[in-house]
C-alpha cells in the first residue's frame, strides 16, 4: 500500500522556526537604538526651532510646558519629550521609555548637551562638539 505524504514533518517545521528565531535575535537589537535616535532627532529639531524663535526676540522668555505662543510657536507634542524654556536655555526631558528622565539642553550659545537623570539606567553615548554638532 502506498502512502501519500504531503506537507512537512514536525521536525522540519521546528528547524525553520528555530532558524527564524535566531535571525530575529540577531536583528532586533540592531533596530532598537534606531528608534531612540529618531526620538533624539525629534527633540533636537524642536529645540532648534525653540532657540531660533527665542533668538528672534530681544530677550529670552521663560516658557513652561504650555504657553509657547509667548515665543510665537504652537505647543509642541509632549508624548515623547517635555519641552520647557528658561531665560537662558531650552530643555527637552524624555517623558517615557527606557531613557525617561534623560534630557537635551540647548542654551542660548546653541551648544547641545546630553545629560542623564540620576535615577536612569544606561544611556546612549551622545557627544556634542561646537564645530561639528551632536552625534550618537
N, C-alpha and C. Protein backbone atom coordinates (compact mmCIF):
# COMPACT_ATOMS: atom_id res chain seq x y z
N UNK A 1 0.85 -1.16 0.00
CA UNK A 1 0.00 0.00 0.00
C UNK A 1 0.91 1.24 0.00
N UNK A 2 0.58 2.19 -0.84
CA UNK A 2 1.36 3.42 -0.98
C UNK A 2 0.72 4.53 -0.16
N UNK A 3 1.55 5.20 0.66
CA UNK A 3 1.05 6.30 1.49
C UNK A 3 1.39 7.61 0.80
N UNK A 4 0.40 8.44 0.66
CA UNK A 4 0.59 9.75 0.03
C UNK A 4 1.03 10.73 1.12
N UNK A 5 2.31 11.13 1.11
CA UNK A 5 2.85 12.02 2.15
C UNK A 5 2.97 13.42 1.59
N UNK A 6 2.13 14.30 2.04
CA UNK A 6 2.17 15.70 1.63
C UNK A 6 2.46 16.55 2.86
N UNK A 7 3.13 17.68 2.66
CA UNK A 7 3.39 18.59 3.76
C UNK A 7 4.75 18.36 4.37
N UNK A 8 4.95 19.01 5.50
CA UNK A 8 6.24 18.96 6.18
C UNK A 8 6.10 18.20 7.49
N UNK A 9 7.18 17.62 7.89
CA UNK A 9 7.16 16.93 9.18
C UNK A 9 7.31 17.96 10.30
N UNK A 10 7.02 17.55 11.49
CA UNK A 10 7.12 18.44 12.64
C UNK A 10 8.57 18.88 12.86
N UNK A 11 9.50 17.99 12.64
CA UNK A 11 10.92 18.33 12.81
C UNK A 11 11.34 19.41 11.81
N UNK A 12 10.91 19.32 10.58
CA UNK A 12 11.25 20.32 9.57
C UNK A 12 10.69 21.69 9.95
N UNK A 13 9.47 21.72 10.43
CA UNK A 13 8.86 22.99 10.83
C UNK A 13 9.60 23.58 12.04
N UNK A 14 9.95 22.75 13.00
CA UNK A 14 10.68 23.22 14.18
C UNK A 14 12.05 23.78 13.80
N UNK A 15 12.73 23.16 12.86
CA UNK A 15 14.03 23.66 12.42
C UNK A 15 13.88 25.04 11.80
N UNK A 16 12.87 25.24 10.98
CA UNK A 16 12.63 26.54 10.36
C UNK A 16 12.32 27.59 11.43
N UNK A 17 11.49 27.25 12.40
CA UNK A 17 11.15 28.18 13.48
C UNK A 17 12.39 28.57 14.27
N UNK A 18 13.24 27.61 14.58
CA UNK A 18 14.48 27.89 15.32
C UNK A 18 15.39 28.82 14.51
N UNK A 19 15.53 28.57 13.24
CA UNK A 19 16.35 29.43 12.38
C UNK A 19 15.80 30.85 12.36
N UNK A 20 14.48 31.01 12.22
CA UNK A 20 13.87 32.34 12.23
C UNK A 20 14.06 33.03 13.57
N UNK A 21 13.98 32.29 14.67
CA UNK A 21 14.18 32.88 16.00
C UNK A 21 15.61 33.37 16.16
N UNK A 22 16.57 32.61 15.67
CA UNK A 22 17.97 33.03 15.74
C UNK A 22 18.19 34.29 14.91
N UNK A 23 17.63 34.35 13.73
CA UNK A 23 17.76 35.55 12.89
C UNK A 23 17.11 36.76 13.56
N UNK A 24 15.95 36.57 14.16
CA UNK A 24 15.28 37.68 14.85
C UNK A 24 16.11 38.15 16.04
N UNK A 25 16.73 37.23 16.75
CA UNK A 25 17.56 37.60 17.89
C UNK A 25 18.78 38.41 17.45
N UNK A 26 19.24 38.20 16.25
CA UNK A 26 20.37 38.96 15.73
C UNK A 26 19.96 40.33 15.21
N UNK A 27 18.78 40.46 14.66
CA UNK A 27 18.35 41.69 14.00
C UNK A 27 17.72 42.69 14.98
N UNK A 28 16.89 42.24 15.89
CA UNK A 28 16.13 43.14 16.76
C UNK A 28 17.04 44.06 17.59
N UNK A 29 18.12 43.59 18.20
CA UNK A 29 18.98 44.52 18.95
C UNK A 29 19.59 45.63 18.09
N UNK A 30 19.76 45.37 16.81
CA UNK A 30 20.29 46.40 15.92
C UNK A 30 19.25 47.47 15.60
N UNK A 31 17.98 47.12 15.67
CA UNK A 31 16.92 48.07 15.32
C UNK A 31 16.48 48.94 16.49
N UNK A 32 16.60 48.48 17.71
CA UNK A 32 16.11 49.23 18.86
C UNK A 32 16.78 50.59 19.03
N UNK A 33 18.11 50.73 18.89
CA UNK A 33 18.70 52.07 19.02
C UNK A 33 18.22 53.04 17.94
N UNK A 34 17.76 52.54 16.83
CA UNK A 34 17.29 53.42 15.76
C UNK A 34 16.07 54.23 16.19
N UNK A 35 15.19 53.63 16.97
CA UNK A 35 14.02 54.37 17.43
C UNK A 35 14.42 55.46 18.40
N UNK A 36 15.40 55.17 19.26
CA UNK A 36 15.85 56.20 20.20
C UNK A 36 16.55 57.33 19.46
N UNK A 37 17.28 57.01 18.41
CA UNK A 37 17.91 58.05 17.59
C UNK A 37 16.85 58.94 16.95
N UNK A 38 15.73 58.34 16.53
CA UNK A 38 14.65 59.13 15.95
C UNK A 38 14.03 60.06 17.00
N UNK A 39 13.85 59.57 18.22
CA UNK A 39 13.33 60.42 19.29
C UNK A 39 14.27 61.58 19.59
N UNK A 40 15.57 61.30 19.59
CA UNK A 40 16.55 62.35 19.84
C UNK A 40 16.52 63.38 18.72
N UNK A 41 16.41 62.93 17.48
CA UNK A 41 16.32 63.85 16.35
C UNK A 41 15.07 64.73 16.45
N UNK A 42 13.97 64.13 16.92
CA UNK A 42 12.74 64.90 17.12
C UNK A 42 12.97 66.03 18.13
N UNK A 43 13.62 65.68 19.24
CA UNK A 43 13.87 66.69 20.28
C UNK A 43 14.83 67.76 19.78
N UNK A 44 15.87 67.36 19.07
CA UNK A 44 16.82 68.34 18.54
C UNK A 44 16.14 69.32 17.59
N UNK A 45 15.27 68.79 16.74
CA UNK A 45 14.56 69.65 15.80
C UNK A 45 13.67 70.66 16.54
N UNK A 46 12.92 70.18 17.52
CA UNK A 46 12.04 71.07 18.27
C UNK A 46 12.84 72.09 19.07
N UNK A 47 13.93 71.65 19.72
CA UNK A 47 14.76 72.58 20.49
C UNK A 47 15.39 73.63 19.57
N UNK A 48 15.82 73.21 18.40
CA UNK A 48 16.39 74.16 17.45
C UNK A 48 15.38 75.22 17.06
N UNK A 49 14.14 74.79 16.81
CA UNK A 49 13.08 75.75 16.46
C UNK A 49 12.79 76.69 17.62
N UNK A 50 12.80 76.15 18.84
CA UNK A 50 12.53 76.98 20.01
C UNK A 50 13.64 78.02 20.21
N UNK A 51 14.89 77.60 20.05
CA UNK A 51 16.01 78.53 20.21
C UNK A 51 15.98 79.60 19.12
N UNK A 52 15.67 79.20 17.89
CA UNK A 52 15.56 80.20 16.80
C UNK A 52 14.48 81.23 17.12
N UNK A 53 13.35 80.75 17.62
CA UNK A 53 12.27 81.68 17.99
C UNK A 53 12.70 82.59 19.13
N UNK A 54 13.39 82.03 20.11
CA UNK A 54 13.88 82.84 21.23
C UNK A 54 14.89 83.88 20.74
N UNK A 55 15.77 83.51 19.83
CA UNK A 55 16.79 84.42 19.35
C UNK A 55 16.21 85.56 18.50
N UNK A 56 15.02 85.35 17.96
CA UNK A 56 14.38 86.42 17.17
C UNK A 56 13.90 87.56 18.05
N UNK A 57 13.64 87.26 19.30
CA UNK A 57 13.18 88.32 20.20
C UNK A 57 14.40 88.98 20.86
N UNK A 58 14.18 90.10 21.48
CA UNK A 58 15.29 90.82 22.10
C UNK A 58 15.79 90.12 23.35
N UNK A 59 14.92 89.48 24.10
CA UNK A 59 15.32 88.77 25.31
C UNK A 59 14.60 87.43 25.35
N UNK A 60 15.25 86.44 25.89
CA UNK A 60 14.64 85.12 26.01
C UNK A 60 13.50 85.17 27.02
N UNK A 61 12.45 84.41 26.70
CA UNK A 61 11.26 84.37 27.54
C UNK A 61 11.15 82.98 28.17
N UNK A 62 10.87 82.92 29.46
CA UNK A 62 10.67 81.62 30.12
C UNK A 62 9.32 81.05 29.70
N UNK A 63 9.32 79.79 29.29
CA UNK A 63 8.11 79.13 28.81
C UNK A 63 8.01 77.78 29.51
N UNK A 64 6.87 77.50 30.12
CA UNK A 64 6.66 76.20 30.75
C UNK A 64 6.25 75.18 29.71
N UNK A 65 5.57 74.12 30.15
CA UNK A 65 5.16 73.08 29.22
C UNK A 65 4.00 73.52 28.34
N UNK A 66 3.39 74.65 28.66
CA UNK A 66 2.38 75.26 27.80
C UNK A 66 2.76 76.73 27.65
N UNK A 67 2.07 77.43 26.81
CA UNK A 67 2.34 78.85 26.66
C UNK A 67 3.44 79.17 25.66
N UNK A 68 3.64 78.30 24.69
CA UNK A 68 4.67 78.55 23.69
C UNK A 68 4.28 79.68 22.73
N UNK A 69 3.03 80.12 22.81
CA UNK A 69 2.63 81.26 21.98
C UNK A 69 3.41 82.51 22.36
N UNK A 70 3.97 82.54 23.58
CA UNK A 70 4.78 83.67 24.02
C UNK A 70 6.03 83.84 23.16
N UNK A 71 6.48 82.75 22.53
CA UNK A 71 7.63 82.85 21.63
C UNK A 71 7.22 82.62 20.18
N UNK A 72 5.94 82.71 19.91
CA UNK A 72 5.45 82.59 18.54
C UNK A 72 5.35 81.17 18.02
N UNK A 73 5.14 80.21 18.89
CA UNK A 73 5.02 78.80 18.48
C UNK A 73 3.75 78.19 19.05
N UNK A 74 3.29 77.14 18.39
CA UNK A 74 2.19 76.36 18.97
C UNK A 74 2.80 75.39 19.99
N UNK A 75 2.00 74.94 20.94
CA UNK A 75 2.51 74.00 21.94
C UNK A 75 2.93 72.70 21.25
N UNK A 76 4.16 72.23 21.51
CA UNK A 76 4.64 71.01 20.86
C UNK A 76 3.99 69.76 21.43
N UNK A 77 4.08 68.68 20.67
CA UNK A 77 3.61 67.38 21.13
C UNK A 77 4.51 66.92 22.28
N UNK A 78 3.91 66.60 23.42
CA UNK A 78 4.69 66.24 24.60
C UNK A 78 4.63 64.73 24.88
N UNK A 79 4.34 63.92 23.85
CA UNK A 79 4.24 62.48 24.04
C UNK A 79 5.57 61.87 24.44
N UNK A 80 6.63 62.19 23.70
CA UNK A 80 7.93 61.58 23.95
C UNK A 80 8.86 62.46 24.79
N UNK A 81 8.70 63.75 24.68
CA UNK A 81 9.55 64.71 25.36
C UNK A 81 8.70 65.78 26.02
N UNK A 82 9.19 66.34 27.12
CA UNK A 82 8.57 67.50 27.75
C UNK A 82 9.50 68.68 27.51
N UNK A 83 8.98 69.73 26.87
CA UNK A 83 9.80 70.87 26.48
C UNK A 83 9.53 72.06 27.41
N UNK A 84 10.60 72.73 27.82
CA UNK A 84 10.49 73.96 28.58
C UNK A 84 11.62 74.89 28.15
N UNK A 85 11.43 76.19 28.42
CA UNK A 85 12.49 77.17 28.17
C UNK A 85 12.61 78.07 29.39
N UNK A 86 13.85 78.38 29.73
CA UNK A 86 14.10 79.39 30.76
C UNK A 86 14.59 80.64 30.02
N UNK A 87 15.08 81.59 30.76
CA UNK A 87 15.59 82.81 30.11
C UNK A 87 16.98 82.59 29.51
N UNK A 88 17.57 81.42 29.72
CA UNK A 88 18.91 81.16 29.18
C UNK A 88 19.01 79.87 28.36
N UNK A 89 18.04 78.98 28.45
CA UNK A 89 18.16 77.70 27.76
C UNK A 89 16.79 77.07 27.51
N UNK A 90 16.74 76.20 26.52
CA UNK A 90 15.55 75.38 26.27
C UNK A 90 15.95 73.93 26.53
N UNK A 91 15.01 73.16 27.06
CA UNK A 91 15.32 71.82 27.51
C UNK A 91 14.24 70.85 27.09
N UNK A 92 14.65 69.65 26.68
CA UNK A 92 13.73 68.56 26.39
C UNK A 92 14.07 67.42 27.34
N UNK A 93 13.08 66.96 28.10
CA UNK A 93 13.28 65.84 29.03
C UNK A 93 12.47 64.67 28.51
N UNK A 94 13.12 63.51 28.38
CA UNK A 94 12.46 62.31 27.87
C UNK A 94 11.34 61.93 28.81
N UNK A 95 10.12 61.87 28.29
CA UNK A 95 8.94 61.66 29.12
C UNK A 95 8.62 60.18 29.34
N UNK A 96 9.06 59.31 28.44
CA UNK A 96 8.68 57.91 28.57
C UNK A 96 9.78 57.03 27.99
N UNK A 97 9.59 55.73 28.13
CA UNK A 97 10.53 54.78 27.57
C UNK A 97 11.67 54.46 28.52
N UNK A 98 12.61 53.68 28.03
CA UNK A 98 13.72 53.24 28.88
C UNK A 98 14.69 54.37 29.20
N UNK A 99 14.62 55.47 28.49
CA UNK A 99 15.50 56.61 28.73
C UNK A 99 14.76 57.77 29.39
N UNK A 100 13.62 57.50 30.03
CA UNK A 100 12.84 58.54 30.69
C UNK A 100 13.70 59.26 31.72
N UNK A 101 13.61 60.57 31.73
CA UNK A 101 14.40 61.37 32.65
C UNK A 101 15.65 61.95 32.03
N UNK A 102 16.11 61.38 30.91
CA UNK A 102 17.26 61.93 30.21
C UNK A 102 16.85 63.23 29.55
N UNK A 103 17.80 64.12 29.36
CA UNK A 103 17.46 65.45 28.86
C UNK A 103 18.44 65.92 27.81
N UNK A 104 17.95 66.77 26.92
CA UNK A 104 18.80 67.50 25.98
C UNK A 104 18.60 68.97 26.30
N UNK A 105 19.68 69.67 26.51
CA UNK A 105 19.65 71.07 26.88
C UNK A 105 20.30 71.88 25.76
N UNK A 106 19.61 72.91 25.31
CA UNK A 106 20.15 73.79 24.28
C UNK A 106 20.12 75.20 24.86
N UNK A 107 21.30 75.75 25.17
CA UNK A 107 21.33 77.07 25.79
C UNK A 107 21.46 78.15 24.73
N UNK A 108 21.50 79.39 25.17
CA UNK A 108 21.50 80.48 24.20
C UNK A 108 22.81 80.64 23.45
N UNK A 109 23.80 79.77 23.74
CA UNK A 109 25.00 79.73 22.91
C UNK A 109 24.87 78.62 21.88
N UNK A 110 23.73 77.94 21.88
CA UNK A 110 23.38 76.89 20.90
C UNK A 110 24.38 75.75 20.88
N UNK A 111 24.78 75.28 22.06
CA UNK A 111 25.65 74.10 22.16
C UNK A 111 24.89 73.01 22.91
N UNK A 112 24.40 72.00 22.20
CA UNK A 112 23.62 70.96 22.86
C UNK A 112 24.46 70.12 23.80
N UNK A 113 23.80 69.59 24.82
CA UNK A 113 24.47 68.68 25.75
C UNK A 113 23.47 67.61 26.18
N UNK A 114 23.93 66.41 26.38
CA UNK A 114 23.07 65.31 26.80
C UNK A 114 23.38 65.02 28.25
N UNK A 115 22.36 64.97 29.08
CA UNK A 115 22.59 64.62 30.47
C UNK A 115 21.60 63.54 30.87
N UNK A 116 21.90 62.85 31.94
CA UNK A 116 21.03 61.77 32.38
C UNK A 116 20.63 61.99 33.83
N UNK A 117 19.35 61.74 34.10
CA UNK A 117 18.88 61.85 35.47
C UNK A 117 19.55 60.78 36.33
N UNK A 118 19.72 61.07 37.59
CA UNK A 118 20.43 60.15 38.49
C UNK A 118 19.74 58.79 38.59
N UNK A 119 18.43 58.76 38.45
CA UNK A 119 17.69 57.50 38.60
C UNK A 119 17.73 56.66 37.34
N UNK A 120 18.20 57.20 36.22
CA UNK A 120 18.16 56.49 34.95
C UNK A 120 19.18 55.37 34.87
N UNK A 121 19.04 54.55 33.84
CA UNK A 121 19.99 53.46 33.61
C UNK A 121 21.02 53.88 32.57
N UNK A 122 21.50 52.92 31.83
CA UNK A 122 22.49 53.19 30.80
C UNK A 122 21.85 53.99 29.68
N UNK A 123 22.55 54.99 29.16
CA UNK A 123 22.01 55.77 28.06
C UNK A 123 22.91 55.62 26.84
N UNK A 124 22.39 56.04 25.71
CA UNK A 124 23.20 56.03 24.50
C UNK A 124 24.34 57.02 24.65
N UNK A 125 25.45 56.72 24.05
CA UNK A 125 26.57 57.64 24.07
C UNK A 125 26.24 58.81 23.15
N UNK A 126 26.20 60.00 23.68
CA UNK A 126 25.75 61.16 22.94
C UNK A 126 26.73 62.29 23.21
N UNK A 127 27.48 62.66 22.19
CA UNK A 127 28.51 63.68 22.39
C UNK A 127 28.26 64.88 21.50
N UNK A 128 28.66 66.05 21.97
CA UNK A 128 28.48 67.27 21.22
C UNK A 128 29.78 68.04 21.15
N UNK A 129 30.09 68.53 19.98
CA UNK A 129 31.23 69.42 19.78
C UNK A 129 30.71 70.61 19.03
N UNK A 130 31.08 71.79 19.45
CA UNK A 130 30.52 73.01 18.88
C UNK A 130 30.71 73.07 17.36
N UNK A 131 31.86 72.63 16.88
CA UNK A 131 32.14 72.77 15.46
C UNK A 131 31.36 71.77 14.59
N UNK A 132 31.13 70.57 15.09
CA UNK A 132 30.50 69.54 14.26
C UNK A 132 29.09 69.17 14.67
N UNK A 133 28.63 69.65 15.80
CA UNK A 133 27.28 69.31 16.25
C UNK A 133 27.27 68.05 17.09
N UNK A 134 26.11 67.43 17.20
CA UNK A 134 25.96 66.27 18.09
C UNK A 134 25.82 65.01 17.29
N UNK A 135 26.42 63.94 17.81
CA UNK A 135 26.37 62.64 17.13
C UNK A 135 26.17 61.55 18.16
N UNK A 136 25.43 60.50 17.77
CA UNK A 136 25.28 59.34 18.63
C UNK A 136 26.43 58.39 18.40
